[in-house]
């Protein structure tokens, strides 16, 4: 099991106890091997998260400390890639345990039925407030419309086989969006459903601004639909401008007075805005290409505790 952590000192003492109890229960029931491991990945926390993790004295607990905050997706990548080929399957789960750890046993059952990827999917979103529920719905529908394959109401709670992990590690993009990468892998897969629990301690690491940034990063990493939208807007602007030119020409032939100033300024602002908007979207893609071509490491490990 891999648990990414970022500034989770308020959550860790309680959640780690629940994790250890559940993990040891799985071993006693012979659902998993005694050789199984837990790994906490500290994603450059600024609080006492690493201090708490490094003091855990359990023979089955590993830990990775990243040199700085690389982001949730790359923290998962760090944990998965570090232990690739060492286990039959890997479960990724946020350490706040809002995603119900109790369904991991169901995931393992599905894995034993030869499923290579098992997605943890929320059965409902009643625990979310109205705004978050609606924006999440828009998020998944928008991805579907843009041709990006995702699993509805699935985040990053999943089980993957070592074979699926090997395929995943072949994806070398700098901007990771795991919710679309794993469905793109294919292989035999299935879902298990759970009800998301309330966060008891600490605060969410995904406020609205970060959620919007994450969604935009996913769109521009997996779809060229925004570029097609820019093309459509450009063609629409040409049609509008031709229509306005035709109208102005007719008015001129009829001898009607055309004041000109207001309409000219309006058109300049309108088309100037369109051009800026289009350049901005194209710039997003160019920027991603620029960062990708640098081939910088996607994460750096400062310290590792391996048992």
Protein backbone atom coordinates (compact mmCIF):
# COMPACT_ATOMS: atom_id res chain seq x y z
CA UNK A 1 0.00 0.00 0.00
CA UNK A 2 1.31 3.43 -0.93
CA UNK A 3 0.16 6.53 0.95
CA UNK A 4 1.19 9.98 -0.35
CA UNK A 5 1.44 12.57 2.44
CA UNK A 6 1.69 16.34 2.39
CA UNK A 7 1.46 18.33 5.65
CA UNK A 8 -0.50 15.56 7.38
CA UNK A 9 0.82 15.82 10.94
CA UNK A 10 -2.72 16.28 12.26
CA UNK A 11 -3.98 13.14 10.51
CA UNK A 12 -1.07 10.69 10.70
CA UNK A 13 -1.19 9.56 14.37
CA UNK A 14 -4.81 8.45 14.10
CA UNK A 15 -4.90 7.26 10.48
CA UNK A 16 -1.62 5.31 10.74
CA UNK A 17 -3.03 3.33 13.67
CA UNK A 18 -6.11 2.44 11.60
CA UNK A 19 -3.89 1.53 8.63
CA UNK A 20 -1.65 -0.74 10.70
CA UNK A 21 -4.58 -2.50 12.39
CA UNK A 22 -6.27 -3.16 9.06
CA UNK A 23 -3.02 -4.24 7.38
CA UNK A 24 -2.15 -6.68 10.17
CA UNK A 25 -5.71 -8.01 9.97
CA UNK A 26 -5.27 -8.77 6.27
CA UNK A 27 -2.08 -10.72 7.06
CA UNK A 28 -3.74 -12.70 9.88
CA UNK A 29 -6.61 -13.62 7.57
CA UNK A 30 -4.07 -14.71 4.92
CA UNK A 31 -5.57 -12.26 2.44
CA UNK A 32 -2.08 -10.82 1.86
CA UNK A 33 1.40 -12.20 2.43
CA UNK A 34 3.47 -11.39 5.49
CA UNK A 35 6.03 -10.04 3.00
CA UNK A 36 3.62 -7.22 2.05
CA UNK A 37 4.65 -3.66 2.84
CA UNK A 38 3.25 -0.20 3.52
CA UNK A 39 5.00 2.87 2.11
CA UNK A 40 4.45 6.47 3.17
CA UNK A 41 5.67 9.06 0.66
CA UNK A 42 6.31 12.48 2.19
CA UNK A 43 5.85 14.98 -0.64
CA UNK A 44 8.08 17.71 0.77
CA UNK A 45 5.92 18.48 3.80
CA UNK A 46 6.69 21.65 5.77
CA UNK A 47 5.30 20.37 9.06
CA UNK A 48 6.24 17.37 11.23
CA UNK A 49 4.93 14.75 8.78
CA UNK A 50 8.35 13.20 8.07
CA UNK A 51 9.32 13.27 11.74
CA UNK A 52 6.22 11.24 12.58
CA UNK A 53 6.76 8.81 9.69
CA UNK A 54 10.45 8.25 10.42
CA UNK A 55 9.68 7.31 14.02
CA UNK A 56 7.24 4.53 13.04
CA UNK A 57 8.71 1.28 14.30
CA UNK A 58 6.94 -1.36 12.25
CA UNK A 59 8.83 -4.05 10.30
CA UNK A 60 6.49 -3.71 7.33
CA UNK A 61 6.64 0.09 6.97
CA UNK A 62 8.82 1.77 4.34
CA UNK A 63 9.06 5.50 3.78
CA UNK A 64 10.22 7.91 1.11
CA UNK A 65 10.98 11.59 1.66
CA UNK A 66 10.98 13.72 -1.50
CA UNK A 67 13.39 16.66 -1.58
CA UNK A 68 10.58 19.17 -2.14
CA UNK A 69 6.88 19.31 -2.98
CA UNK A 70 6.52 17.68 -6.42
CA UNK A 71 2.77 17.17 -6.22
CA UNK A 72 0.39 14.35 -5.38
CA UNK A 73 0.69 12.55 -8.74
CA UNK A 74 4.48 12.47 -8.67
CA UNK A 75 4.49 11.34 -5.05
CA UNK A 76 2.46 8.33 -6.18
CA UNK A 77 4.90 7.81 -9.05
CA UNK A 78 7.82 7.88 -6.59
CA UNK A 79 6.27 5.18 -4.43
CA UNK A 80 5.25 2.96 -7.33
CA UNK A 81 8.51 3.21 -9.28
CA UNK A 82 10.71 2.68 -6.20
CA UNK A 83 9.07 -0.68 -5.46
CA UNK A 84 8.36 -1.84 -9.01
CA UNK A 85 8.77 -5.60 -9.60
CA UNK A 86 8.93 -6.30 -5.87
CA UNK A 87 5.25 -7.15 -5.30
CA UNK A 88 2.36 -8.74 -7.16
CA UNK A 89 0.04 -5.76 -6.70
CA UNK A 90 0.03 -2.18 -5.39
CA UNK A 91 -2.72 -0.16 -3.74
CA UNK A 92 -2.61 3.66 -3.72
CA UNK A 93 -4.66 5.50 -1.14
CA UNK A 94 -4.66 8.95 0.45
CA UNK A 95 -3.49 8.90 4.05
CA UNK A 96 -6.50 10.87 5.35
CA UNK A 97 -8.56 7.67 4.76
CA UNK A 98 -11.55 9.49 3.34
CA UNK A 99 -11.42 6.74 0.74
CA UNK A 100 -12.55 3.72 2.73
CA UNK A 101 -9.59 1.43 3.38
CA UNK A 102 -12.00 -1.38 4.29
CA UNK A 103 -12.71 -2.04 0.59
CA UNK A 104 -9.06 -2.96 -0.08
CA UNK A 105 -9.96 -6.58 0.72
CA UNK A 106 -12.59 -6.43 -2.06
CA UNK A 107 -9.94 -5.04 -4.41
CA UNK A 108 -7.68 -7.97 -3.60
CA UNK A 109 -10.53 -10.41 -4.33
CA UNK A 110 -11.02 -8.75 -7.75
CA UNK A 111 -7.28 -8.96 -8.36
CA UNK A 112 -7.33 -12.69 -7.60
CA UNK A 113 -10.04 -12.94 -10.27
CA UNK A 114 -7.35 -11.88 -12.78
CA UNK A 115 -8.20 -8.17 -12.92
CA UNK A 116 -5.05 -6.15 -13.56
CA UNK A 117 -6.51 -2.81 -12.40
CA UNK A 118 -9.22 -2.33 -9.77
CA UNK A 119 -10.66 1.17 -9.46
CA UNK A 120 -12.10 2.48 -6.22
CA UNK A 121 -15.24 4.35 -7.26
CA UNK A 122 -17.45 6.50 -5.07
CA UNK A 123 -21.01 5.18 -4.93
CA UNK A 124 -22.37 8.68 -4.34
CA UNK A 125 -21.23 12.23 -3.59
CA UNK A 126 -23.73 13.12 -0.87
CA UNK A 127 -20.89 13.89 1.53
CA UNK A 128 -19.77 16.78 -0.72
CA UNK A 129 -21.36 20.21 -0.65
CA UNK A 130 -23.50 21.21 -3.64
CA UNK A 131 -20.84 23.26 -5.44
CA UNK A 132 -18.16 20.55 -5.24
CA UNK A 133 -20.64 17.88 -6.30
CA UNK A 134 -21.71 19.82 -9.39
CA UNK A 135 -18.18 20.85 -10.41
CA UNK A 136 -17.05 17.22 -10.12
CA UNK A 137 -19.94 16.16 -12.35
CA UNK A 138 -18.98 18.82 -14.91
CA UNK A 139 -15.34 17.72 -14.67
CA UNK A 140 -16.04 14.10 -15.65
CA UNK A 141 -18.58 14.99 -18.35
CA UNK A 142 -16.21 17.51 -19.87
CA UNK A 143 -13.45 14.91 -20.07
CA UNK A 144 -15.84 12.48 -21.72
CA UNK A 145 -16.85 15.08 -24.31
CA UNK A 146 -13.20 15.77 -25.08
CA UNK A 147 -12.49 12.11 -25.73
CA UNK A 148 -10.43 11.53 -22.58
CA UNK A 149 -11.15 8.13 -21.03
CA UNK A 150 -11.65 8.30 -17.26
CA UNK A 151 -13.59 6.32 -14.66
CA UNK A 152 -16.54 8.34 -13.35
CA UNK A 153 -16.20 9.27 -9.65
CA UNK A 154 -12.77 7.65 -9.41
CA UNK A 155 -9.80 9.58 -8.02
CA UNK A 156 -6.51 7.87 -7.14
CA UNK A 157 -7.74 5.01 -5.00
CA UNK A 158 -6.87 1.90 -7.01
CA UNK A 159 -5.15 -1.45 -7.06
CA UNK A 160 -2.80 -2.25 -9.94
CA UNK A 161 -0.92 -5.41 -10.78
CA UNK A 162 2.82 -5.40 -11.31
CA UNK A 163 2.15 -5.92 -15.02
CA UNK A 164 -0.05 -2.81 -15.13
CA UNK A 165 2.67 -0.92 -13.24
CA UNK A 166 5.25 -1.88 -15.86
CA UNK A 167 2.98 -0.49 -18.58
CA UNK A 168 2.40 2.66 -16.54
CA UNK A 169 6.12 3.30 -16.14
CA UNK A 170 6.43 3.51 -19.92
CA UNK A 171 4.44 6.76 -19.83
CA UNK A 172 7.18 9.38 -19.62
CA UNK A 173 5.21 12.62 -19.62
CA UNK A 174 6.20 15.28 -17.11
CA UNK A 175 2.60 16.38 -16.46
CA UNK A 176 1.06 13.28 -14.93
CA UNK A 177 -2.68 12.74 -14.83
CA UNK A 178 -3.09 9.24 -13.47
CA UNK A 179 -6.89 9.21 -13.70
CA UNK A 180 -6.54 9.13 -17.48
CA UNK A 181 -3.27 7.21 -17.79
CA UNK A 182 -4.49 3.99 -16.17
CA UNK A 183 -7.69 3.75 -18.28
CA UNK A 184 -5.45 4.34 -21.33
CA UNK A 185 -3.38 1.26 -20.39
CA UNK A 186 -6.30 -1.07 -20.94
CA UNK A 187 -5.87 -4.61 -19.55
CA UNK A 188 -8.63 -6.37 -17.66
CA UNK A 189 -10.15 -4.06 -15.05
CA UNK A 190 -13.14 -3.64 -12.79
CA UNK A 191 -14.57 -1.35 -10.08
CA UNK A 192 -15.33 -1.61 -6.40
CA UNK A 193 -17.70 0.91 -4.86
CA UNK A 194 -17.53 2.71 -1.54
CA UNK A 195 -18.94 5.71 0.28
CA UNK A 196 -16.43 8.47 0.89
CA UNK A 197 -15.90 9.19 4.57
CA UNK A 198 -15.77 12.56 6.27
CA UNK A 199 -12.31 14.03 6.90
CA UNK A 200 -11.95 14.05 10.68
CA UNK A 201 -8.71 15.99 11.11
CA UNK A 202 -6.58 18.43 9.11
CA UNK A 203 -7.76 20.16 5.96
CA UNK A 204 -8.16 19.23 2.33
CA UNK A 205 -5.07 19.64 0.14
CA UNK A 206 -7.29 20.35 -2.87
CA UNK A 207 -8.99 23.75 -2.51
CA UNK A 208 -10.96 25.12 -5.48
CA UNK A 209 -7.97 26.84 -7.11
CA UNK A 210 -5.87 23.67 -6.99
CA UNK A 211 -8.76 21.53 -8.24
CA UNK A 212 -9.27 23.82 -11.26
CA UNK A 213 -5.54 23.77 -11.99
CA UNK A 214 -5.50 19.97 -11.73
CA UNK A 215 -8.48 19.67 -14.10
CA UNK A 216 -6.91 22.04 -16.64
CA UNK A 217 -3.61 20.16 -16.45
CA UNK A 218 -5.45 16.92 -17.15
CA UNK A 219 -7.31 18.38 -20.13
CA UNK A 220 -4.24 19.86 -21.78
CA UNK A 221 -2.21 16.70 -21.09
CA UNK A 222 -4.68 14.30 -22.70
CA UNK A 223 -6.76 16.22 -25.22
CA UNK A 224 -6.26 18.62 -28.13
CA UNK A 225 -9.91 19.67 -27.86
CA UNK A 226 -8.99 23.19 -26.61
CA UNK A 227 -6.91 23.72 -29.77
CA UNK A 228 -9.85 22.61 -31.89
CA UNK A 229 -12.02 25.01 -29.91
CA UNK A 230 -9.60 27.84 -30.76
CA UNK A 231 -9.89 26.90 -34.44
CA UNK A 232 -13.69 26.96 -34.18
CA UNK A 233 -13.64 30.36 -32.45
CA UNK A 234 -11.32 31.69 -35.16
CA UNK A 235 -13.65 30.49 -37.93
CA UNK A 236 -16.65 31.93 -36.08
CA UNK A 237 -14.86 35.26 -35.74
CA UNK A 238 -14.20 35.29 -39.50
CA UNK A 239 -17.89 34.62 -40.22
CA UNK A 240 -18.96 37.42 -37.85
CA UNK A 241 -16.47 39.86 -39.36
CA UNK A 242 -17.63 39.03 -42.92
CA UNK A 243 -21.24 39.54 -41.81
CA UNK A 244 -20.42 42.92 -40.26
CA UNK A 245 -18.47 43.95 -43.36
CA UNK A 246 -21.45 43.01 -45.55
CA UNK A 247 -23.82 44.97 -43.34
CA UNK A 248 -21.55 48.02 -43.38
CA UNK A 249 -21.25 47.85 -47.17
CA UNK A 250 -25.05 47.70 -47.60
CA UNK A 251 -25.51 50.66 -45.27
CA UNK A 252 -22.92 52.60 -47.25
CA UNK A 253 -24.71 51.89 -50.56
CA UNK A 254 -28.03 52.93 -49.04
CA UNK A 255 -26.51 56.21 -47.96
CA UNK A 256 -27.07 55.64 -44.26
CA UNK A 257 -24.67 57.38 -41.94
CA UNK A 258 -22.29 55.09 -40.15
CA UNK A 259 -20.76 56.63 -37.10
CA UNK A 260 -17.98 54.03 -37.07
CA UNK A 261 -16.17 54.82 -33.86
CA UNK A 262 -18.18 52.68 -31.43
CA UNK A 263 -18.43 49.70 -33.75
CA UNK A 264 -14.71 49.91 -34.60
CA UNK A 265 -13.63 49.98 -30.96
CA UNK A 266 -16.03 47.14 -30.13
CA UNK A 267 -14.64 44.98 -32.92
CA UNK A 268 -11.04 45.72 -31.93
CA UNK A 269 -11.75 44.70 -28.32
CA UNK A 270 -13.72 41.63 -29.41
CA UNK A 271 -11.16 40.25 -31.83
CA UNK A 272 -8.25 41.33 -29.66
CA UNK A 273 -9.74 39.33 -26.81
CA UNK A 274 -10.25 36.31 -29.05
CA UNK A 275 -6.67 36.44 -30.23
CA UNK A 276 -5.32 36.75 -26.69
CA UNK A 277 -7.51 33.85 -25.57
CA UNK A 278 -6.31 31.69 -28.48
CA UNK A 279 -2.66 32.55 -27.91
CA UNK A 280 -3.07 31.69 -24.23
CA UNK A 281 -4.40 28.20 -24.96
CA UNK A 282 -1.73 27.54 -27.59
CA UNK A 283 0.84 28.82 -25.10
CA UNK A 284 -0.29 26.19 -22.58
CA UNK A 285 0.53 23.42 -25.03
CA UNK A 286 3.80 25.03 -26.12
CA UNK A 287 4.76 25.44 -22.45
CA UNK A 288 4.12 21.74 -21.78
CA UNK A 289 6.27 20.80 -24.78
CA UNK A 290 9.01 23.13 -23.50
CA UNK A 291 8.99 21.56 -20.04
CA UNK A 292 8.84 18.02 -21.44
CA UNK A 293 11.83 18.54 -23.74
CA UNK A 294 13.99 19.55 -20.75
CA UNK A 295 13.68 15.95 -19.56
CA UNK A 296 14.08 16.94 -15.92
CA UNK A 297 13.54 14.30 -13.21
CA UNK A 298 9.90 14.08 -12.18
CA UNK A 299 10.84 13.70 -8.51
CA UNK A 300 13.94 13.58 -6.32
CA UNK A 301 14.30 11.43 -3.21
CA UNK A 302 16.04 12.98 -0.21
CA UNK A 303 15.78 10.00 2.12
CA UNK A 304 14.39 6.50 2.05
CA UNK A 305 13.62 4.00 4.78
CA UNK A 306 13.40 0.51 3.32
CA UNK A 307 12.73 -2.70 5.25
